[in-house]
């Protein structure tokens, strides 16, 4: 077959060589078959859609709980009581590892208390702050046992002892506190607590 029989192929090869051998691009060839847009302006008439919060019951509950959780903790202590107790209820708490023999001594008042705090007359907010400061200071001073008087106020018939209930919750959340129990009658009975603090290492 002669070269005269392949005129189209020779023309295509020449075009290919010209394109490959040159850095210039034939723009008209590249854009062949592309239709021009009639308008050269962006359509800004439509306003962007606003994102809407999910309004189902589960989503509303999650949002409420998120706000509630932010408000519940003040100075590391819950601002809402989790367990309401009565005036004459005896309170007792022990962290894991506290021996029963030690708890019996604490309950019987056989471990001398080194400092005391009386919360009579305090509001709940002030009592939380005062109790937290008192326990921290006693821990820094390496005191072993302290007494906290929460009293029996806010406990008429049919109502709970609020201050006692809050103190019961707060002490359980404090890192230095390893145990507490209601005091002996001579030290306030069910209106006070013996609180055992962690020994410094």
C-alpha atoms as a PDB file:
ATOM      1  CA  UNK A   1       0.000   0.000   0.000  1.00  0.00           C
ATOM      2  CA  UNK A   2       1.405   3.422  -1.024  1.00  0.00           C
ATOM      3  CA  UNK A   3       1.422   6.660   0.926  1.00  0.00           C
ATOM      4  CA  UNK A   4      -1.067   8.065  -1.599  1.00  0.00           C
ATOM      5  CA  UNK A   5      -3.623   5.588  -0.368  1.00  0.00           C
ATOM      6  CA  UNK A   6      -3.588   7.135   3.169  1.00  0.00           C
ATOM      7  CA  UNK A   7      -4.103  10.874   2.750  1.00  0.00           C
ATOM      8  CA  UNK A   8      -6.365  11.239   5.820  1.00  0.00           C
ATOM      9  CA  UNK A   9      -4.021   9.302   8.081  1.00  0.00           C
ATOM     10  CA  UNK A  10      -1.069  11.402   6.939  1.00  0.00           C
ATOM     11  CA  UNK A  11      -3.021  14.567   7.716  1.00  0.00           C
ATOM     12  CA  UNK A  12      -3.991  13.272  11.191  1.00  0.00           C
ATOM     13  CA  UNK A  13      -0.426  12.302  11.996  1.00  0.00           C
ATOM     14  CA  UNK A  14       0.779  15.739  10.966  1.00  0.00           C
ATOM     15  CA  UNK A  15      -1.821  17.418  13.225  1.00  0.00           C
ATOM     16  CA  UNK A  16      -0.868  15.161  16.097  1.00  0.00           C
ATOM     17  CA  UNK A  17       2.810  15.879  15.678  1.00  0.00           C
ATOM     18  CA  UNK A  18       2.130  19.600  15.528  1.00  0.00           C
ATOM     19  CA  UNK A  19       0.111  19.486  18.726  1.00  0.00           C
ATOM     20  CA  UNK A  20       2.562  17.223  20.576  1.00  0.00           C
ATOM     21  CA  UNK A  21       5.549  19.194  19.393  1.00  0.00           C
ATOM     22  CA  UNK A  22       4.180  22.517  20.528  1.00  0.00           C
ATOM     23  CA  UNK A  23       3.309  23.868  23.945  1.00  0.00           C
ATOM     24  CA  UNK A  24       0.474  25.936  22.485  1.00  0.00           C
ATOM     25  CA  UNK A  25      -3.110  24.637  22.724  1.00  0.00           C
ATOM     26  CA  UNK A  26      -5.612  25.095  19.920  1.00  0.00           C
ATOM     27  CA  UNK A  27      -8.410  26.639  22.033  1.00  0.00           C
ATOM     28  CA  UNK A  28     -11.024  26.450  19.252  1.00  0.00           C
ATOM     29  CA  UNK A  29     -10.331  22.760  18.808  1.00  0.00           C
ATOM     30  CA  UNK A  30     -10.600  22.089  22.533  1.00  0.00           C
ATOM     31  CA  UNK A  31     -13.897  23.981  22.882  1.00  0.00           C
ATOM     32  CA  UNK A  32     -15.461  22.367  19.828  1.00  0.00           C
ATOM     33  CA  UNK A  33     -18.986  21.149  20.634  1.00  0.00           C
ATOM     34  CA  UNK A  34     -19.304  23.230  23.864  1.00  0.00           C
ATOM     35  CA  UNK A  35     -22.410  25.465  23.915  1.00  0.00           C
ATOM     36  CA  UNK A  36     -22.068  28.991  25.225  1.00  0.00           C
ATOM     37  CA  UNK A  37     -24.170  29.997  28.248  1.00  0.00           C
ATOM     38  CA  UNK A  38     -26.708  32.642  27.335  1.00  0.00           C
ATOM     39  CA  UNK A  39     -26.281  34.651  30.609  1.00  0.00           C
ATOM     40  CA  UNK A  40     -22.915  35.578  32.124  1.00  0.00           C
ATOM     41  CA  UNK A  41     -24.373  36.641  35.489  1.00  0.00           C
ATOM     42  CA  UNK A  42     -24.859  34.515  38.565  1.00  0.00           C
ATOM     43  CA  UNK A  43     -28.431  34.042  39.796  1.00  0.00           C
ATOM     44  CA  UNK A  44     -28.445  35.511  43.286  1.00  0.00           C
ATOM     45  CA  UNK A  45     -32.190  35.941  43.545  1.00  0.00           C
ATOM     46  CA  UNK A  46     -32.771  32.807  45.558  1.00  0.00           C
ATOM     47  CA  UNK A  47     -31.951  33.202  49.283  1.00  0.00           C
ATOM     48  CA  UNK A  48     -30.018  30.367  50.935  1.00  0.00           C
ATOM     49  CA  UNK A  49     -32.080  27.953  52.956  1.00  0.00           C
ATOM     50  CA  UNK A  50     -31.721  28.216  56.723  1.00  0.00           C
ATOM     51  CA  UNK A  51     -30.910  25.084  58.677  1.00  0.00           C
ATOM     52  CA  UNK A  52     -33.688  24.108  61.045  1.00  0.00           C
ATOM     53  CA  UNK A  53     -33.157  22.303  64.335  1.00  0.00           C
ATOM     54  CA  UNK A  54     -34.829  18.947  64.516  1.00  0.00           C
ATOM     55  CA  UNK A  55     -38.083  19.419  66.381  1.00  0.00           C
ATOM     56  CA  UNK A  56     -38.930  15.863  67.263  1.00  0.00           C
ATOM     57  CA  UNK A  57     -39.383  14.836  70.892  1.00  0.00           C
ATOM     58  CA  UNK A  58     -35.987  13.118  71.181  1.00  0.00           C
ATOM     59  CA  UNK A  59     -34.091  16.146  69.854  1.00  0.00           C
ATOM     60  CA  UNK A  60     -35.933  18.519  72.195  1.00  0.00           C
ATOM     61  CA  UNK A  61     -35.123  16.261  75.142  1.00  0.00           C
ATOM     62  CA  UNK A  62     -31.413  16.148  74.219  1.00  0.00           C
ATOM     63  CA  UNK A  63     -31.257  19.950  73.971  1.00  0.00           C
ATOM     64  CA  UNK A  64     -32.985  20.339  77.323  1.00  0.00           C
ATOM     65  CA  UNK A  65     -30.629  17.855  78.971  1.00  0.00           C
ATOM     66  CA  UNK A  66     -27.565  19.619  77.525  1.00  0.00           C
ATOM     67  CA  UNK A  67     -28.688  22.935  79.033  1.00  0.00           C
ATOM     68  CA  UNK A  68     -29.629  21.229  82.280  1.00  0.00           C
ATOM     69  CA  UNK A  69     -26.242  19.516  82.609  1.00  0.00           C
ATOM     70  CA  UNK A  70     -24.457  22.869  82.265  1.00  0.00           C
ATOM     71  CA  UNK A  71     -26.555  24.316  85.093  1.00  0.00           C
ATOM     72  CA  UNK A  72     -26.366  21.305  87.413  1.00  0.00           C
ATOM     73  CA  UNK A  73     -22.683  21.473  88.323  1.00  0.00           C
ATOM     74  CA  UNK A  74     -21.404  24.366  90.430  1.00  0.00           C
ATOM     75  CA  UNK A  75     -17.881  24.253  91.901  1.00  0.00           C
ATOM     76  CA  UNK A  76     -17.749  20.588  90.931  1.00  0.00           C
ATOM     77  CA  UNK A  77     -20.889  19.770  92.995  1.00  0.00           C
ATOM     78  CA  UNK A  78     -24.405  19.094  91.775  1.00  0.00           C
ATOM     79  CA  UNK A  79     -26.821  21.971  92.321  1.00  0.00           C
ATOM     80  CA  UNK A  80     -29.761  19.566  92.436  1.00  0.00           C
ATOM     81  CA  UNK A  81     -30.230  16.943  95.098  1.00  0.00           C
ATOM     82  CA  UNK A  82     -30.446  13.339  93.899  1.00  0.00           C
ATOM     83  CA  UNK A  83     -31.825  11.757  97.088  1.00  0.00           C
ATOM     84  CA  UNK A  84     -34.150  13.393  99.604  1.00  0.00           C
ATOM     85  CA  UNK A  85     -33.859  12.214 103.197  1.00  0.00           C
ATOM     86  CA  UNK A  86     -35.957  12.702 106.321  1.00  0.00           C
ATOM     87  CA  UNK A  87     -34.957  14.514 109.513  1.00  0.00           C
ATOM     88  CA  UNK A  88     -34.488  11.356 111.567  1.00  0.00           C
ATOM     89  CA  UNK A  89     -32.805   9.280 108.859  1.00  0.00           C
ATOM     90  CA  UNK A  90     -29.354   8.062 109.832  1.00  0.00           C
ATOM     91  CA  UNK A  91     -26.835   8.695 107.084  1.00  0.00           C
ATOM     92  CA  UNK A  92     -23.896   6.452 106.341  1.00  0.00           C
ATOM     93  CA  UNK A  93     -21.429   6.328 103.451  1.00  0.00           C
ATOM     94  CA  UNK A  94     -18.163   4.489 102.864  1.00  0.00           C
ATOM     95  CA  UNK A  95     -15.876   4.465  99.826  1.00  0.00           C
ATOM     96  CA  UNK A  96     -14.679   1.096  98.515  1.00  0.00           C
ATOM     97  CA  UNK A  97     -11.853  -0.215 100.681  1.00  0.00           C
ATOM     98  CA  UNK A  98     -12.930   1.402 103.957  1.00  0.00           C
ATOM     99  CA  UNK A  99     -12.900  -1.307 106.615  1.00  0.00           C
ATOM    100  CA  UNK A 100     -16.035  -2.168 108.599  1.00  0.00           C
ATOM    101  CA  UNK A 101     -14.110  -1.910 111.860  1.00  0.00           C
ATOM    102  CA  UNK A 102     -13.153   1.681 111.027  1.00  0.00           C
ATOM    103  CA  UNK A 103     -16.764   2.536 110.150  1.00  0.00           C
ATOM    104  CA  UNK A 104     -17.961   1.172 113.505  1.00  0.00           C
ATOM    105  CA  UNK A 105     -15.445   3.362 115.322  1.00  0.00           C
ATOM    106  CA  UNK A 106     -16.550   6.383 113.309  1.00  0.00           C
ATOM    107  CA  UNK A 107     -20.250   5.763 113.957  1.00  0.00           C
ATOM    108  CA  UNK A 108     -19.679   5.264 117.683  1.00  0.00           C
ATOM    109  CA  UNK A 109     -17.822   8.561 117.916  1.00  0.00           C
ATOM    110  CA  UNK A 110     -14.565   6.873 118.875  1.00  0.00           C
ATOM    111  CA  UNK A 111     -12.541   8.811 116.312  1.00  0.00           C
ATOM    112  CA  UNK A 112     -12.008  12.340 117.688  1.00  0.00           C
ATOM    113  CA  UNK A 113     -13.027  15.105 115.285  1.00  0.00           C
ATOM    114  CA  UNK A 114     -10.483  17.866 114.773  1.00  0.00           C
ATOM    115  CA  UNK A 115     -12.643  20.662 113.311  1.00  0.00           C
ATOM    116  CA  UNK A 116     -16.313  21.418 112.834  1.00  0.00           C
ATOM    117  CA  UNK A 117     -18.605  23.361 110.504  1.00  0.00           C
ATOM    118  CA  UNK A 118     -22.119  24.545 111.429  1.00  0.00           C
ATOM    119  CA  UNK A 119     -24.320  25.219 108.397  1.00  0.00           C
ATOM    120  CA  UNK A 120     -27.252  26.679 110.343  1.00  0.00           C
ATOM    121  CA  UNK A 121     -28.437  29.927 108.732  1.00  0.00           C
ATOM    122  CA  UNK A 122     -26.754  29.309 105.359  1.00  0.00           C
ATOM    123  CA  UNK A 123     -28.625  29.290 102.088  1.00  0.00           C
ATOM    124  CA  UNK A 124     -28.102  26.171  99.971  1.00  0.00           C
ATOM    125  CA  UNK A 125     -25.782  28.033  97.579  1.00  0.00           C
ATOM    126  CA  UNK A 126     -23.699  29.468 100.424  1.00  0.00           C
ATOM    127  CA  UNK A 127     -23.661  26.118 102.225  1.00  0.00           C
ATOM    128  CA  UNK A 128     -22.272  24.382  99.129  1.00  0.00           C
ATOM    129  CA  UNK A 129     -19.461  26.915  98.850  1.00  0.00           C
ATOM    130  CA  UNK A 130     -18.708  26.859 102.586  1.00  0.00           C
ATOM    131  CA  UNK A 131     -18.708  23.073 102.802  1.00  0.00           C
ATOM    132  CA  UNK A 132     -16.416  22.720  99.795  1.00  0.00           C
ATOM    133  CA  UNK A 133     -13.934  25.249 101.217  1.00  0.00           C
ATOM    134  CA  UNK A 134     -14.050  23.631 104.662  1.00  0.00           C
ATOM    135  CA  UNK A 135     -13.327  20.111 103.383  1.00  0.00           C
ATOM    136  CA  UNK A 136     -10.508  21.331 101.122  1.00  0.00           C
ATOM    137  CA  UNK A 137      -8.873  23.273 103.960  1.00  0.00           C
ATOM    138  CA  UNK A 138      -9.139  20.338 106.363  1.00  0.00           C
ATOM    139  CA  UNK A 139      -7.638  18.036 103.747  1.00  0.00           C
ATOM    140  CA  UNK A 140      -4.719  20.421 103.197  1.00  0.00           C
ATOM    141  CA  UNK A 141      -4.187  20.533 106.968  1.00  0.00           C
ATOM    142  CA  UNK A 142      -4.239  16.705 106.925  1.00  0.00           C
ATOM    143  CA  UNK A 143      -7.056  16.443 109.470  1.00  0.00           C
ATOM    144  CA  UNK A 144      -8.416  12.935 109.860  1.00  0.00           C
ATOM    145  CA  UNK A 145     -11.977  13.458 111.083  1.00  0.00           C
ATOM    146  CA  UNK A 146     -14.275  16.515 111.099  1.00  0.00           C
ATOM    147  CA  UNK A 147     -17.858  17.229 112.104  1.00  0.00           C
ATOM    148  CA  UNK A 148     -20.441  18.876 109.843  1.00  0.00           C
ATOM    149  CA  UNK A 149     -23.692  20.139 111.372  1.00  0.00           C
ATOM    150  CA  UNK A 150     -26.429  20.328 108.743  1.00  0.00           C
ATOM    151  CA  UNK A 151     -29.300  20.655 111.219  1.00  0.00           C
ATOM    152  CA  UNK A 152     -32.884  19.511 110.899  1.00  0.00           C
ATOM    153  CA  UNK A 153     -34.428  22.618 109.337  1.00  0.00           C
ATOM    154  CA  UNK A 154     -36.846  22.637 106.389  1.00  0.00           C
ATOM    155  CA  UNK A 155     -38.412  19.465 107.680  1.00  0.00           C
ATOM    156  CA  UNK A 156     -41.928  20.011 108.927  1.00  0.00           C
ATOM    157  CA  UNK A 157     -44.392  17.166 108.617  1.00  0.00           C
ATOM    158  CA  UNK A 158     -44.685  16.041 105.001  1.00  0.00           C
ATOM    159  CA  UNK A 159     -41.473  17.780 103.887  1.00  0.00           C
ATOM    160  CA  UNK A 160     -37.893  16.611 103.508  1.00  0.00           C
ATOM    161  CA  UNK A 161     -34.780  17.915 105.262  1.00  0.00           C
ATOM    162  CA  UNK A 162     -33.307  19.871 102.353  1.00  0.00           C
ATOM    163  CA  UNK A 163     -29.972  20.949 103.837  1.00  0.00           C
ATOM    164  CA  UNK A 164     -29.349  17.453 105.149  1.00  0.00           C
ATOM    165  CA  UNK A 165     -30.233  15.951 101.773  1.00  0.00           C
ATOM    166  CA  UNK A 166     -27.854  18.280  99.908  1.00  0.00           C
ATOM    167  CA  UNK A 167     -24.981  17.748 102.349  1.00  0.00           C
ATOM    168  CA  UNK A 168     -25.484  13.998 101.996  1.00  0.00           C
ATOM    169  CA  UNK A 169     -25.053  14.347  98.216  1.00  0.00           C
ATOM    170  CA  UNK A 170     -22.211  16.876  98.233  1.00  0.00           C
ATOM    171  CA  UNK A 171     -19.972  14.944 100.614  1.00  0.00           C
ATOM    172  CA  UNK A 172     -20.214  11.844  98.416  1.00  0.00           C
ATOM    173  CA  UNK A 173     -18.837  13.881  95.489  1.00  0.00           C
ATOM    174  CA  UNK A 174     -15.819  15.274  97.355  1.00  0.00           C
ATOM    175  CA  UNK A 175     -12.534  13.522  96.622  1.00  0.00           C
ATOM    176  CA  UNK A 176     -11.014  13.882 100.137  1.00  0.00           C
ATOM    177  CA  UNK A 177     -14.103  12.313 101.805  1.00  0.00           C
ATOM    178  CA  UNK A 178     -13.858   8.548 102.205  1.00  0.00           C
ATOM    179  CA  UNK A 179     -16.681   8.002 104.723  1.00  0.00           C
ATOM    180  CA  UNK A 180     -19.270   9.689 106.897  1.00  0.00           C
ATOM    181  CA  UNK A 181     -21.990   8.704 109.325  1.00  0.00           C
ATOM    182  CA  UNK A 182     -24.611  10.412 111.479  1.00  0.00           C
ATOM    183  CA  UNK A 183     -23.197  11.638 114.772  1.00  0.00           C
ATOM    184  CA  UNK A 184     -23.835  10.483 118.320  1.00  0.00           C
ATOM    185  CA  UNK A 185     -26.600  12.341 120.224  1.00  0.00           C
ATOM    186  CA  UNK A 186     -24.023  14.312 122.223  1.00  0.00           C
ATOM    187  CA  UNK A 187     -22.613  15.706 118.937  1.00  0.00           C
ATOM    188  CA  UNK A 188     -25.920  16.469 117.207  1.00  0.00           C
ATOM    189  CA  UNK A 189     -27.356  13.049 116.373  1.00  0.00           C
ATOM    190  CA  UNK A 190     -29.094  12.898 112.995  1.00  0.00           C
ATOM    191  CA  UNK A 191     -28.547  16.651 112.622  1.00  0.00           C
ATOM    192  CA  UNK A 192     -24.774  16.236 112.208  1.00  0.00           C
ATOM    193  CA  UNK A 193     -22.183  14.030 110.570  1.00  0.00           C
ATOM    194  CA  UNK A 194     -18.786  12.627 111.416  1.00  0.00           C
ATOM    195  CA  UNK A 195     -16.743  12.911 108.211  1.00  0.00           C
ATOM    196  CA  UNK A 196     -13.610  10.829 107.632  1.00  0.00           C
ATOM    197  CA  UNK A 197     -11.003  12.293 105.312  1.00  0.00           C
ATOM    198  CA  UNK A 198      -8.408  10.531 103.192  1.00  0.00           C
ATOM    199  CA  UNK A 199      -4.971  10.231 104.737  1.00  0.00           C
ATOM    200  CA  UNK A 200      -2.220  12.184 102.990  1.00  0.00           C
ATOM    201  CA  UNK A 201       0.321   9.900 101.295  1.00  0.00           C
END
